[in-house]
């Protein structure tokens, strides 16, 4: 492999060590939200946070689940409270009308993406549970069915639009949005281990099982495997099972969509998971992937996107991605009109497009950064310029998708974390481009999109997950605007950090790195970093960060960064252009404001 290929993808990620011995690893392509350092006044987050004390006004089911939650976790401390008996669990089942309402919330607002169980099967479980409870035959209720019943109702409670968001209920706590994902990550690992133990990774047809059972096993495997791959990409960590070790086929189309129906969202999601897994493998393998091979994966992803059936395409995404059409009129012709009254289809269209864009960022972001460093005055001169256009237009699409979802269904969208999570990463990419290449014709567009994203996050409810990131977004926007207004090249401190991350050496003397620059570098996942966190009686001590690289840097009071050696490579930033222009041939030019 060429030496340049060895260095192209930068560092291997961030390892965070707490004083109590806990460790947390994030790969170099992890989402920017996960890479963002907590505020300086925050303390180290425990592995499982204590729940808030129940309030009188809270949902009745939530009170029941809160009582059960501390004892049902597979990771409960040994010697803690005893696990509830089947009788105790059944005693916490809500009345039938309440269960019906929460099940409706789940099947309307969640199952369009996570179709783990058909509605008719769930309804059969519900009838069994209530019938046997009435007949005092509690021990005849299968505990697995009861567990699934509670999990679906818990998620339904989170997506119940009649109550306030961010209520901490069982399913929400473990399987949805638990802050940094520390609780849900081991749960998904356990889930995939159970799938292997049950043999779902081997196709049931080989045992000549009934067709209905075979398709049920296939559905469960591919739904869980797809989520596992998705979550692994978010953390930039290896997933649980590799393709060499499973041969389970997709569920039959008739089982998912019905006879004669077009290719379903679920089938498209499963196909996409295979491509997403290939992207995950290249970003998490210990040996860097050559750029030519990365672009081969990019071509595969583009081919998949082009094959998406007309009815499942997302018009806001296609309109934002210049490479998908020569004009906005072409994008309109290639996509269906959004049907606001078809909630399920609209969310599926937006989510599939969003997942594709996220995969592009995971694949191309390291090379996007490399191009910005190599040729900031003229990005077209970098061999990685294709990565610049790929990342930039996908960031435009992520912003457009979130705006569209928010405008269509503002309340429901605010409870789905993924749109805001991926758009935060897009914002980091936009600000990086402006900071490193302020004279680029793409910089004005990036600033415009940053302002739009800040507005979107500002409109979310106080205390919500997007609001936690608003402060970082505003700081990014301010730094980018200052750099653009000055039309100056990036400071040598930023260049020092980049050379460390990309394995390139420089000859600059030791410089101070501001807290703002340190935070920005952290969120891009540019380097190999070790963070040690310590506690005190008054809260968390400042983190001590060791960054692998060619020089020593004295950082802000909140972190100290060190490196190993000092080597040299001259970089000339003189005579940098202060005015950009839009090229008629640039594929992104139709998105640029005209003079």
Protein backbone atom coordinates (compact mmCIF):
# COMPACT_ATOMS: atom_id res chain seq x y z
CA UNK A 1 0.00 0.00 0.00
CA UNK A 2 1.21 3.51 -0.84
CA UNK A 3 2.54 5.46 2.15
CA UNK A 4 0.03 8.23 1.46
CA UNK A 5 -2.77 5.70 1.66
CA UNK A 6 -1.50 4.64 5.07
CA UNK A 7 -1.90 8.21 6.31
CA UNK A 8 -5.01 9.29 4.49
CA UNK A 9 -7.59 8.44 7.12
CA UNK A 10 -5.84 10.13 10.05
CA UNK A 11 -6.09 8.79 13.61
CA UNK A 12 -7.79 5.74 15.03
CA UNK A 13 -10.20 7.53 17.34
CA UNK A 14 -10.68 8.64 20.93
CA UNK A 15 -10.27 6.59 24.11
CA UNK A 16 -11.73 8.13 27.28
CA UNK A 17 -10.60 6.71 30.63
CA UNK A 18 -12.40 7.66 33.84
CA UNK A 19 -10.76 7.59 37.25
CA UNK A 20 -13.02 4.74 38.35
CA UNK A 21 -11.65 2.53 35.56
CA UNK A 22 -14.44 2.86 33.00
CA UNK A 23 -13.35 3.30 29.37
CA UNK A 24 -15.17 4.59 26.30
CA UNK A 25 -13.93 4.28 22.71
CA UNK A 26 -15.17 6.28 19.72
CA UNK A 27 -13.78 5.59 16.27
CA UNK A 28 -12.55 8.37 14.00
CA UNK A 29 -15.75 8.45 11.91
CA UNK A 30 -18.16 8.52 14.89
CA UNK A 31 -20.89 11.13 14.89
CA UNK A 32 -19.76 14.61 15.93
CA UNK A 33 -22.33 14.72 18.73
CA UNK A 34 -20.74 11.72 20.43
CA UNK A 35 -17.27 13.22 19.97
CA UNK A 36 -18.32 16.54 21.49
CA UNK A 37 -16.85 17.08 24.93
CA UNK A 38 -19.34 17.78 27.75
CA UNK A 39 -19.59 21.29 29.12
CA UNK A 40 -16.88 22.22 31.59
CA UNK A 41 -19.35 22.27 34.48
CA UNK A 42 -20.69 18.80 33.78
CA UNK A 43 -19.60 15.71 35.67
CA UNK A 44 -18.62 12.33 34.32
CA UNK A 45 -21.80 10.55 33.30
CA UNK A 46 -22.31 7.27 35.15
CA UNK A 47 -22.83 4.08 33.18
CA UNK A 48 -26.51 3.97 34.07
CA UNK A 49 -27.97 7.22 35.33
CA UNK A 50 -30.46 7.20 38.18
CA UNK A 51 -33.99 7.94 37.16
CA UNK A 52 -35.77 11.02 38.37
CA UNK A 53 -38.20 10.63 41.22
CA UNK A 54 -41.70 9.90 39.92
CA UNK A 55 -44.04 12.88 39.97
CA UNK A 56 -47.76 12.75 40.60
CA UNK A 57 -48.62 14.07 37.14
CA UNK A 58 -46.63 11.43 35.28
CA UNK A 59 -48.20 8.77 33.10
CA UNK A 60 -49.62 5.75 35.05
CA UNK A 61 -47.70 3.26 32.93
CA UNK A 62 -44.50 5.20 33.47
CA UNK A 63 -44.88 4.84 37.24
CA UNK A 64 -45.18 1.08 36.84
CA UNK A 65 -42.17 0.87 34.57
CA UNK A 66 -40.06 3.03 36.85
CA UNK A 67 -40.72 0.60 39.67
CA UNK A 68 -39.66 -2.32 37.50
CA UNK A 69 -36.71 -0.71 35.72
CA UNK A 70 -34.05 -1.08 38.40
CA UNK A 71 -34.58 -4.83 38.59
CA UNK A 72 -35.10 -5.94 35.00
CA UNK A 73 -31.80 -4.77 33.49
CA UNK A 74 -29.53 -7.70 32.55
CA UNK A 75 -26.68 -5.59 33.94
CA UNK A 76 -28.21 -5.04 37.40
CA UNK A 77 -25.66 -5.22 40.20
CA UNK A 78 -25.26 -8.58 41.91
CA UNK A 79 -26.81 -8.51 45.34
CA UNK A 80 -29.25 -5.76 44.43
CA UNK A 81 -33.01 -5.97 44.52
CA UNK A 82 -34.47 -9.32 43.55
CA UNK A 83 -35.97 -9.58 40.10
CA UNK A 84 -39.75 -9.25 39.93
CA UNK A 85 -41.77 -12.43 39.70
CA UNK A 86 -44.09 -13.06 36.78
CA UNK A 87 -47.02 -12.28 39.06
CA UNK A 88 -45.50 -8.92 40.05
CA UNK A 89 -44.84 -8.03 36.43
CA UNK A 90 -48.41 -8.87 35.40
CA UNK A 91 -49.69 -6.78 38.30
CA UNK A 92 -48.15 -3.73 36.59
CA UNK A 93 -49.95 -4.30 33.31
CA UNK A 94 -52.11 -1.22 32.60
CA UNK A 95 -55.80 -1.45 31.82
CA UNK A 96 -56.63 -2.65 28.33
CA UNK A 97 -57.71 0.73 26.92
CA UNK A 98 -54.46 2.34 28.06
CA UNK A 99 -52.48 -0.50 26.50
CA UNK A 100 -54.38 -0.08 23.24
CA UNK A 101 -53.61 3.65 23.15
CA UNK A 102 -49.88 3.18 23.75
CA UNK A 103 -49.71 0.34 21.22
CA UNK A 104 -51.26 2.68 18.66
CA UNK A 105 -48.56 5.25 19.45
CA UNK A 106 -45.86 2.64 18.83
CA UNK A 107 -47.29 1.22 15.62
CA UNK A 108 -47.90 4.68 14.17
CA UNK A 109 -44.75 6.53 15.23
CA UNK A 110 -42.11 3.76 15.53
CA UNK A 111 -42.95 0.60 13.60
CA UNK A 112 -42.64 2.32 10.22
CA UNK A 113 -38.88 1.99 10.81
CA UNK A 114 -38.56 -0.88 13.29
CA UNK A 115 -41.04 -3.49 12.06
CA UNK A 116 -39.97 -6.14 14.52
CA UNK A 117 -43.41 -7.68 15.06
CA UNK A 118 -46.60 -7.64 12.91
CA UNK A 119 -49.55 -5.88 14.50
CA UNK A 120 -51.71 -9.00 14.36
CA UNK A 121 -49.09 -11.01 16.28
CA UNK A 122 -48.83 -8.34 18.96
CA UNK A 123 -52.63 -8.14 19.28
CA UNK A 124 -52.68 -11.92 19.83
CA UNK A 125 -50.15 -11.52 22.66
CA UNK A 126 -52.28 -8.79 24.22
CA UNK A 127 -55.41 -10.95 24.14
CA UNK A 128 -53.50 -13.80 25.76
CA UNK A 129 -52.08 -11.59 28.53
CA UNK A 130 -55.39 -10.02 29.53
CA UNK A 131 -57.39 -13.22 29.20
CA UNK A 132 -55.06 -15.23 31.41
CA UNK A 133 -54.75 -12.43 33.94
CA UNK A 134 -58.55 -12.36 34.22
CA UNK A 135 -58.66 -16.14 34.57
CA UNK A 136 -55.90 -16.07 37.23
CA UNK A 137 -53.68 -18.14 34.92
CA UNK A 138 -50.71 -15.78 35.17
CA UNK A 139 -48.13 -18.56 35.06
CA UNK A 140 -49.44 -19.55 31.62
CA UNK A 141 -48.31 -16.22 30.16
CA UNK A 142 -45.03 -16.61 28.30
CA UNK A 143 -42.50 -14.24 29.91
CA UNK A 144 -40.99 -13.36 26.51
CA UNK A 145 -44.37 -12.22 25.23
CA UNK A 146 -44.87 -10.16 28.37
CA UNK A 147 -41.43 -8.57 28.00
CA UNK A 148 -42.16 -7.62 24.40
CA UNK A 149 -45.52 -6.23 25.49
CA UNK A 150 -43.88 -3.94 28.05
CA UNK A 151 -41.13 -2.82 25.65
CA UNK A 152 -43.63 -1.82 22.96
CA UNK A 153 -45.82 0.03 25.45
CA UNK A 154 -42.78 1.80 26.89
CA UNK A 155 -41.76 3.06 23.46
CA UNK A 156 -45.37 3.97 22.83
CA UNK A 157 -45.25 6.03 26.00
CA UNK A 158 -42.22 7.94 24.68
CA UNK A 159 -44.04 8.65 21.42
CA UNK A 160 -47.34 9.47 23.10
CA UNK A 161 -47.88 13.06 21.95
CA UNK A 162 -50.26 13.69 24.86
CA UNK A 163 -47.39 13.75 27.39
CA UNK A 164 -44.21 15.79 27.65
CA UNK A 165 -41.13 14.54 25.74
CA UNK A 166 -38.03 13.06 27.36
CA UNK A 167 -39.89 11.04 29.99
CA UNK A 168 -37.49 8.30 31.08
CA UNK A 169 -39.34 5.02 30.63
CA UNK A 170 -37.94 1.54 30.30
CA UNK A 171 -37.87 1.06 26.53
CA UNK A 172 -36.82 4.66 25.92
CA UNK A 173 -34.03 4.42 28.48
CA UNK A 174 -32.42 1.28 27.08
CA UNK A 175 -33.29 1.15 23.41
CA UNK A 176 -33.75 4.71 22.20
CA UNK A 177 -31.94 7.90 23.21
CA UNK A 178 -29.92 7.48 26.41
CA UNK A 179 -27.64 10.48 25.97
CA UNK A 180 -24.33 9.15 24.70
CA UNK A 181 -25.65 5.65 23.99
CA UNK A 182 -23.66 3.97 26.76
CA UNK A 183 -26.65 1.97 28.00
CA UNK A 184 -28.08 0.91 24.64
CA UNK A 185 -24.73 -0.24 23.18
CA UNK A 186 -24.31 -3.35 25.42
CA UNK A 187 -28.02 -4.12 25.10
CA UNK A 188 -27.66 -4.40 21.32
CA UNK A 189 -24.61 -6.60 21.76
CA UNK A 190 -26.61 -8.87 24.03
CA UNK A 191 -29.44 -8.89 21.50
CA UNK A 192 -27.16 -10.07 18.70
CA UNK A 193 -25.63 -12.74 20.95
CA UNK A 194 -29.13 -14.03 21.68
CA UNK A 195 -29.88 -14.10 17.95
CA UNK A 196 -26.85 -16.30 17.39
CA UNK A 197 -27.81 -18.53 20.34
CA UNK A 198 -31.27 -18.98 18.81
CA UNK A 199 -29.79 -19.81 15.41
CA UNK A 200 -31.50 -16.91 13.64
CA UNK A 201 -28.28 -16.16 11.79
CA UNK A 202 -28.77 -19.41 9.82
CA UNK A 203 -31.68 -19.49 7.41
CA UNK A 204 -34.62 -21.47 8.79
CA UNK A 205 -35.36 -22.97 5.39
CA UNK A 206 -32.46 -25.37 5.93
CA UNK A 207 -34.41 -27.05 8.75
CA UNK A 208 -37.57 -27.16 6.63
CA UNK A 209 -39.43 -25.00 9.13
CA UNK A 210 -42.93 -23.75 8.24
CA UNK A 211 -42.87 -20.81 5.84
CA UNK A 212 -44.42 -18.44 8.40
CA UNK A 213 -41.77 -19.35 10.97
CA UNK A 214 -38.96 -18.97 8.42
CA UNK A 215 -40.12 -15.47 7.49
CA UNK A 216 -40.58 -14.52 11.16
CA UNK A 217 -36.98 -15.55 11.88
CA UNK A 218 -35.74 -13.68 8.82
CA UNK A 219 -37.62 -10.54 9.80
CA UNK A 220 -36.24 -10.56 13.34
CA UNK A 221 -32.66 -11.21 12.21
CA UNK A 222 -32.58 -8.50 9.57
CA UNK A 223 -34.35 -5.88 11.67
CA UNK A 224 -31.91 -6.42 14.53
CA UNK A 225 -28.83 -6.78 12.32
CA UNK A 226 -29.71 -3.56 10.45
CA UNK A 227 -30.02 -1.60 13.69
CA UNK A 228 -26.77 -3.09 14.99
CA UNK A 229 -24.92 -1.96 11.85
CA UNK A 230 -26.50 1.50 12.06
CA UNK A 231 -25.58 1.99 15.71
CA UNK A 232 -22.06 0.65 15.12
CA UNK A 233 -21.57 3.25 12.38
CA UNK A 234 -22.73 5.97 14.76
CA UNK A 235 -19.99 5.00 17.21
CA UNK A 236 -17.49 3.91 14.54
CA UNK A 237 -17.07 0.57 16.30
CA UNK A 238 -17.15 -2.97 14.86
CA UNK A 239 -20.60 -4.54 14.73
CA UNK A 240 -21.59 -7.85 16.32
CA UNK A 241 -21.65 -10.31 13.39
CA UNK A 242 -19.89 -10.36 10.02
CA UNK A 243 -21.39 -11.56 6.69
CA UNK A 244 -19.22 -14.67 6.66
CA UNK A 245 -21.15 -15.97 9.65
CA UNK A 246 -24.78 -15.65 8.56
CA UNK A 247 -26.79 -16.86 5.58
CA UNK A 248 -30.28 -15.75 6.58
CA UNK A 249 -32.21 -14.49 3.57
CA UNK A 250 -34.47 -11.46 3.45
CA UNK A 251 -38.13 -12.07 4.38
CA UNK A 252 -40.22 -12.85 1.34
CA UNK A 253 -41.66 -9.72 -0.36
CA UNK A 254 -45.18 -11.07 0.09
CA UNK A 255 -44.56 -11.31 3.84
CA UNK A 256 -43.56 -7.63 4.01
CA UNK A 257 -45.48 -5.77 1.31
CA UNK A 258 -48.04 -8.11 -0.14
CA UNK A 259 -48.23 -9.73 -3.55
CA UNK A 260 -47.50 -7.39 -6.45
CA UNK A 261 -46.36 -4.49 -4.24
CA UNK A 262 -43.19 -2.50 -5.13
CA UNK A 263 -39.96 -3.14 -3.24
CA UNK A 264 -40.68 -2.30 0.38
CA UNK A 265 -38.92 0.09 2.73
CA UNK A 266 -37.84 -2.88 4.86
CA UNK A 267 -36.21 -4.68 1.93
CA UNK A 268 -34.44 -1.48 0.89
CA UNK A 269 -33.30 -1.00 4.47
CA UNK A 270 -31.87 -4.53 4.58
CA UNK A 271 -30.04 -4.03 1.28
CA UNK A 272 -28.67 -0.73 2.49
CA UNK A 273 -27.47 -2.41 5.71
CA UNK A 274 -25.21 -4.66 3.61
CA UNK A 275 -23.58 -1.64 1.98
CA UNK A 276 -23.41 0.21 5.29
CA UNK A 277 -21.64 -2.78 6.81
CA UNK A 278 -18.98 -2.64 4.07
CA UNK A 279 -18.44 1.03 4.90
CA UNK A 280 -18.23 0.23 8.59
CA UNK A 281 -15.66 -2.49 7.97
CA UNK A 282 -13.34 -0.20 6.00
CA UNK A 283 -13.51 2.52 8.68
CA UNK A 284 -12.92 0.20 11.65
CA UNK A 285 -10.31 -2.20 10.28
CA UNK A 286 -6.84 -1.69 11.71
CA UNK A 287 -5.31 -1.46 8.23
CA UNK A 288 -6.31 1.75 6.37
CA UNK A 289 -8.31 1.34 3.18
CA UNK A 290 -6.79 2.74 -0.06
CA UNK A 291 -8.67 5.71 -1.48
CA UNK A 292 -9.40 3.84 -4.71
CA UNK A 293 -11.22 1.16 -2.74
CA UNK A 294 -13.15 3.80 -0.78
CA UNK A 295 -14.34 5.33 -4.03
CA UNK A 296 -15.44 1.88 -5.15
CA UNK A 297 -17.72 1.71 -2.10
CA UNK A 298 -18.92 5.21 -2.95
CA UNK A 299 -19.90 3.98 -6.43
CA UNK A 300 -21.80 1.06 -4.86
CA UNK A 301 -23.68 3.47 -2.62
CA UNK A 302 -24.54 5.71 -5.58
CA UNK A 303 -25.82 2.75 -7.56
CA UNK A 304 -28.05 1.71 -4.68
CA UNK A 305 -29.43 5.22 -4.37
CA UNK A 306 -30.21 5.34 -8.09
CA UNK A 307 -32.06 2.02 -7.79
CA UNK A 308 -34.45 3.23 -5.07
CA UNK A 309 -37.99 2.97 -6.49
CA UNK A 310 -39.64 6.22 -7.49
CA UNK A 311 -42.26 6.06 -4.74
CA UNK A 312 -39.60 5.82 -2.00
CA UNK A 313 -37.43 8.75 -3.11
CA UNK A 314 -37.24 11.89 -0.99
CA UNK A 315 -37.76 15.12 -2.95
CA UNK A 316 -36.04 17.50 -0.44
CA UNK A 317 -32.91 15.31 -0.48
CA UNK A 318 -32.77 14.96 -4.25
CA UNK A 319 -33.31 18.71 -4.68
CA UNK A 320 -30.32 19.42 -2.42
CA UNK A 321 -27.95 16.91 -4.08
CA UNK A 322 -26.67 18.41 -7.30
CA UNK A 323 -25.11 15.18 -8.56
CA UNK A 324 -28.54 13.51 -8.68
CA UNK A 325 -29.87 15.96 -11.25
CA UNK A 326 -28.79 18.88 -13.39
CA UNK A 327 -31.53 21.18 -12.09
CA UNK A 328 -34.23 21.48 -9.46
CA UNK A 329 -36.75 20.68 -12.21
CA UNK A 330 -34.99 17.39 -12.87
CA UNK A 331 -35.11 16.55 -9.15
CA UNK A 332 -38.82 17.25 -9.12
CA UNK A 333 -39.40 14.96 -12.10
CA UNK A 334 -37.35 12.18 -10.48
CA UNK A 335 -39.22 12.17 -7.16
CA UNK A 336 -42.83 11.94 -5.97
CA UNK A 337 -44.62 14.81 -4.30
CA UNK A 338 -44.59 14.62 -0.52
CA UNK A 339 -47.87 13.30 0.86
CA UNK A 340 -48.28 14.88 4.27
CA UNK A 341 -51.32 12.74 5.07
CA UNK A 342 -49.29 9.56 4.47
CA UNK A 343 -47.24 9.72 7.66
CA UNK A 344 -45.62 6.29 7.27
CA UNK A 345 -44.47 6.79 3.69
CA UNK A 346 -43.17 10.32 4.34
CA UNK A 347 -41.05 9.24 7.28
CA UNK A 348 -39.71 6.25 5.36
CA UNK A 349 -38.74 8.43 2.38
CA UNK A 350 -36.93 10.94 4.58
CA UNK A 351 -35.26 8.31 6.76
CA UNK A 352 -33.89 6.22 3.89
CA UNK A 353 -32.42 9.35 2.27
CA UNK A 354 -30.99 10.45 5.61
CA UNK A 355 -29.36 7.07 6.21
CA UNK A 356 -27.74 7.14 2.77
CA UNK A 357 -26.36 10.63 3.43
CA UNK A 358 -25.03 9.54 6.82
CA UNK A 359 -23.24 6.61 5.17
CA UNK A 360 -21.60 9.00 2.71
CA UNK A 361 -20.29 11.09 5.59
CA UNK A 362 -18.93 8.02 7.37
CA UNK A 363 -17.16 6.94 4.19
CA UNK A 364 -15.86 10.28 2.89
CA UNK A 365 -15.39 12.55 5.92
CA UNK A 366 -11.72 11.68 6.57
CA UNK A 367 -10.84 12.49 2.95
CA UNK A 368 -12.99 15.63 3.01
CA UNK A 369 -10.81 16.83 5.88
CA UNK A 370 -7.64 15.82 4.07
CA UNK A 371 -8.61 17.83 0.97
CA UNK A 372 -9.37 20.93 3.07
CA UNK A 373 -5.92 20.70 4.59
CA UNK A 374 -4.05 19.98 1.37
CA UNK A 375 -5.59 22.56 -0.97
CA UNK A 376 -7.59 25.13 1.02
CA UNK A 377 -7.06 27.87 -1.58
CA UNK A 378 -8.33 25.69 -4.43
CA UNK A 379 -10.06 22.51 -3.36
CA UNK A 380 -10.35 21.29 -6.95
CA UNK A 381 -6.58 20.68 -6.99
CA UNK A 382 -6.76 18.02 -4.32
CA UNK A 383 -6.96 14.37 -5.37
CA UNK A 384 -9.64 14.12 -2.68
CA UNK A 385 -11.89 16.76 -4.24
CA UNK A 386 -14.55 14.10 -5.03
CA UNK A 387 -14.85 13.60 -1.28
CA UNK A 388 -15.36 17.33 -0.79
CA UNK A 389 -18.30 17.44 -3.21
CA UNK A 390 -19.74 14.20 -1.82
CA UNK A 391 -19.65 15.35 1.81
CA UNK A 392 -20.76 18.90 1.09
CA UNK A 393 -23.85 18.05 -0.92
CA UNK A 394 -24.85 15.31 1.55
CA UNK A 395 -24.59 17.84 4.37
CA UNK A 396 -26.89 20.09 2.35
CA UNK A 397 -29.28 17.16 1.99
CA UNK A 398 -29.21 16.32 5.73
CA UNK A 399 -30.15 19.91 6.54
CA UNK A 400 -32.94 19.88 3.93
CA UNK A 401 -34.28 16.55 5.20
CA UNK A 402 -34.48 17.75 8.80
CA UNK A 403 -36.17 21.01 7.77
CA UNK A 404 -38.73 19.06 5.75
CA UNK A 405 -39.42 16.58 8.57
CA UNK A 406 -39.73 19.40 11.08
CA UNK A 407 -42.15 21.31 8.85
CA UNK A 408 -44.26 18.21 8.14
CA UNK A 409 -44.42 16.70 11.63
CA UNK A 410 -42.74 19.01 14.18
CA UNK A 411 -43.78 17.18 17.36
CA UNK A 412 -42.96 13.65 16.21
CA UNK A 413 -39.69 14.74 14.59
CA UNK A 414 -38.51 16.26 17.87
CA UNK A 415 -38.78 12.82 19.49
CA UNK A 416 -36.74 11.02 16.85
CA UNK A 417 -33.08 11.70 17.71
CA UNK A 418 -31.49 10.61 14.42
CA UNK A 419 -32.37 13.64 12.29
CA UNK A 420 -30.79 16.08 14.74
CA UNK A 421 -27.85 13.78 15.43
CA UNK A 422 -26.78 13.53 11.79
CA UNK A 423 -27.48 17.20 11.08
CA UNK A 424 -25.15 18.15 13.94
CA UNK A 425 -22.36 16.27 12.14
CA UNK A 426 -23.28 18.15 8.95
CA UNK A 427 -22.94 21.43 10.85
CA UNK A 428 -19.45 20.47 12.01
CA UNK A 429 -18.47 19.73 8.39
CA UNK A 430 -19.86 23.08 7.22
CA UNK A 431 -17.96 25.01 9.86
CA UNK A 432 -14.77 23.06 9.14
CA UNK A 433 -14.93 24.03 5.48
CA UNK A 434 -15.35 27.72 6.30
CA UNK A 435 -12.57 27.72 8.89
CA UNK A 436 -10.06 25.92 6.67
CA UNK A 437 -11.11 27.31 3.29
CA UNK A 438 -12.85 30.66 3.87
CA UNK A 439 -12.26 31.84 0.29
CA UNK A 440 -13.91 28.77 -1.23
CA UNK A 441 -17.07 29.44 -3.27
CA UNK A 442 -18.72 26.86 -1.03
CA UNK A 443 -18.08 28.88 2.15
CA UNK A 444 -21.08 31.25 1.76
CA UNK A 445 -23.39 28.28 1.32
CA UNK A 446 -21.92 26.59 4.37
CA UNK A 447 -22.53 29.71 6.47
CA UNK A 448 -26.11 29.92 5.21
CA UNK A 449 -26.73 26.29 6.15
CA UNK A 450 -25.11 26.76 9.56
CA UNK A 451 -27.53 29.59 10.29
CA UNK A 452 -30.45 27.40 9.21
CA UNK A 453 -29.32 24.52 11.43
CA UNK A 454 -28.91 26.83 14.43
CA UNK A 455 -32.48 28.03 13.87
CA UNK A 456 -33.78 24.46 13.74
CA UNK A 457 -32.03 23.46 16.97
CA UNK A 458 -33.19 26.69 18.64
CA UNK A 459 -36.82 25.74 18.00
CA UNK A 460 -36.57 22.43 19.89
CA UNK A 461 -37.99 22.10 23.43
CA UNK A 462 -35.86 23.20 26.36
CA UNK A 463 -34.09 20.25 27.97
CA UNK A 464 -34.28 18.15 24.80
CA UNK A 465 -31.25 16.44 23.31
CA UNK A 466 -30.89 18.89 20.37
CA UNK A 467 -30.96 21.82 22.81
CA UNK A 468 -27.94 20.34 24.60
CA UNK A 469 -25.96 20.83 21.40
CA UNK A 470 -27.20 24.33 20.63
CA UNK A 471 -24.37 26.07 22.51
CA UNK A 472 -21.74 24.20 20.51
CA UNK A 473 -23.53 25.01 17.26
CA UNK A 474 -23.64 28.73 18.06
CA UNK A 475 -19.92 28.75 18.87
CA UNK A 476 -19.16 26.95 15.62
CA UNK A 477 -21.25 29.44 13.68
CA UNK A 478 -19.52 32.40 15.32
CA UNK A 479 -16.02 31.03 14.66
CA UNK A 480 -16.88 30.27 11.04
CA UNK A 481 -18.39 33.72 10.51
CA UNK A 482 -15.33 35.42 12.00
CA UNK A 483 -12.97 33.43 9.76
CA UNK A 484 -15.08 34.09 6.68
CA UNK A 485 -15.34 37.83 7.41
CA UNK A 486 -11.56 38.05 7.82
CA UNK A 487 -11.04 35.93 4.67
CA UNK A 488 -7.86 34.67 6.29
CA UNK A 489 -6.33 31.19 6.23
CA UNK A 490 -6.64 29.05 9.35
CA UNK A 491 -4.32 29.79 12.24
CA UNK A 492 -1.17 27.74 12.65
CA UNK A 493 -2.68 26.18 15.77
CA UNK A 494 -5.42 24.54 13.69
CA UNK A 495 -2.84 23.43 11.13
CA UNK A 496 -0.75 21.86 13.87
CA UNK A 497 -3.71 19.81 15.01
CA UNK A 498 -4.49 18.75 11.46
CA UNK A 499 -0.94 17.68 10.73
CA UNK A 500 -1.05 15.57 13.87
CA UNK A 501 -4.31 13.95 12.83
CA UNK A 502 -3.32 13.25 9.26
CA UNK A 503 0.17 11.98 9.94
CA UNK A 504 1.83 14.93 8.19
CA UNK A 505 4.73 16.77 9.84
CA UNK A 506 5.34 20.50 10.09
CA UNK A 507 8.06 22.89 11.25
CA UNK A 508 6.10 25.40 13.32
CA UNK A 509 7.09 26.16 16.88
CA UNK A 510 4.96 25.29 19.88
CA UNK A 511 1.72 27.26 19.94
CA UNK A 512 -1.22 27.63 22.27
CA UNK A 513 -4.51 26.07 21.24
CA UNK A 514 -7.68 27.78 22.39
CA UNK A 515 -10.54 25.92 23.98
CA UNK A 516 -12.73 26.66 20.96
CA UNK A 517 -10.23 25.21 18.48
CA UNK A 518 -9.71 22.16 20.68
CA UNK A 519 -13.45 21.48 20.81
CA UNK A 520 -13.83 21.82 17.05
CA UNK A 521 -10.96 19.42 16.35
CA UNK A 522 -12.44 16.93 18.78
CA UNK A 523 -15.84 16.91 17.06
CA UNK A 524 -14.33 16.19 13.63
CA UNK A 525 -12.65 13.03 14.96
CA UNK A 526 -9.39 13.96 13.27
CA UNK A 527 -6.90 12.26 15.49
CA UNK A 528 -5.78 9.58 17.91
CA UNK A 529 -6.60 10.89 21.36
CA UNK A 530 -6.47 9.62 24.93
CA UNK A 531 -8.58 11.49 27.46
CA UNK A 532 -8.17 10.91 31.20
CA UNK A 533 -10.96 12.17 33.45
CA UNK A 534 -10.66 12.61 37.19
CA UNK A 535 -13.14 13.43 39.90
CA UNK A 536 -13.14 15.68 42.92
CA UNK A 537 -15.62 16.40 45.66
CA UNK A 538 -16.68 19.52 43.79
CA UNK A 539 -17.27 17.69 40.49
CA UNK A 540 -15.25 16.58 37.51
CA UNK A 541 -11.63 17.64 37.11
CA UNK A 542 -10.51 18.96 33.73
CA UNK A 543 -9.77 16.17 31.29
CA UNK A 544 -6.15 15.50 30.40
CA UNK A 545 -5.92 14.73 26.68
CA UNK A 546 -2.93 13.13 24.97
CA UNK A 547 -3.04 13.57 21.21
CA UNK A 548 -0.67 11.60 19.00
CA UNK A 549 1.22 13.97 16.71
CA UNK A 550 4.40 15.83 15.79
CA UNK A 551 4.48 18.52 18.46
CA UNK A 552 3.61 19.57 21.96
CA UNK A 553 0.69 21.93 22.50
CA UNK A 554 -0.36 23.72 25.68
CA UNK A 555 -4.14 23.77 25.48
CA UNK A 556 -6.91 25.61 27.28
CA UNK A 557 -7.50 25.22 31.03
CA UNK A 558 -10.00 22.41 30.38
CA UNK A 559 -7.60 20.04 28.63
CA UNK A 560 -3.92 19.44 28.06
CA UNK A 561 -2.71 17.99 24.76
CA UNK A 562 0.71 16.46 24.28
CA UNK A 563 2.54 14.89 21.37
CA UNK A 564 5.65 12.88 20.75
CA UNK A 565 8.07 14.58 18.36
CA UNK A 566 8.70 17.70 16.33
CA UNK A 567 9.41 17.37 12.62
CA UNK A 568 9.04 19.78 9.73
CA UNK A 569 7.25 20.47 6.47
CA UNK A 570 6.88 24.09 5.28
CA UNK A 571 3.36 25.26 4.48
CA UNK A 572 2.93 28.56 2.64
CA UNK A 573 -0.32 30.41 3.31
CA UNK A 574 0.79 33.71 1.73
CA UNK A 575 -1.06 35.37 -1.14
CA UNK A 576 -4.23 33.50 -0.22
CA UNK A 577 -7.21 34.54 -2.30
CA UNK A 578 -9.67 36.71 -0.44
CA UNK A 579 -12.52 36.47 -2.90
CA UNK A 580 -14.21 33.35 -4.20
CA UNK A 581 -16.23 32.89 -7.34
CA UNK A 582 -18.70 30.34 -8.59
CA UNK A 583 -17.61 28.19 -11.48
CA UNK A 584 -20.17 27.50 -14.16
CA UNK A 585 -18.87 23.95 -14.39
CA UNK A 586 -18.87 23.27 -10.66
CA UNK A 587 -21.57 20.62 -10.00
CA UNK A 588 -22.45 22.44 -6.78
CA UNK A 589 -22.74 25.87 -8.41
CA UNK A 590 -26.51 25.86 -8.74
CA UNK A 591 -26.70 25.90 -4.94
CA UNK A 592 -24.43 28.97 -4.69
CA UNK A 593 -25.85 32.46 -4.24
CA UNK A 594 -25.37 34.42 -7.43
CA UNK A 595 -23.63 37.79 -7.45
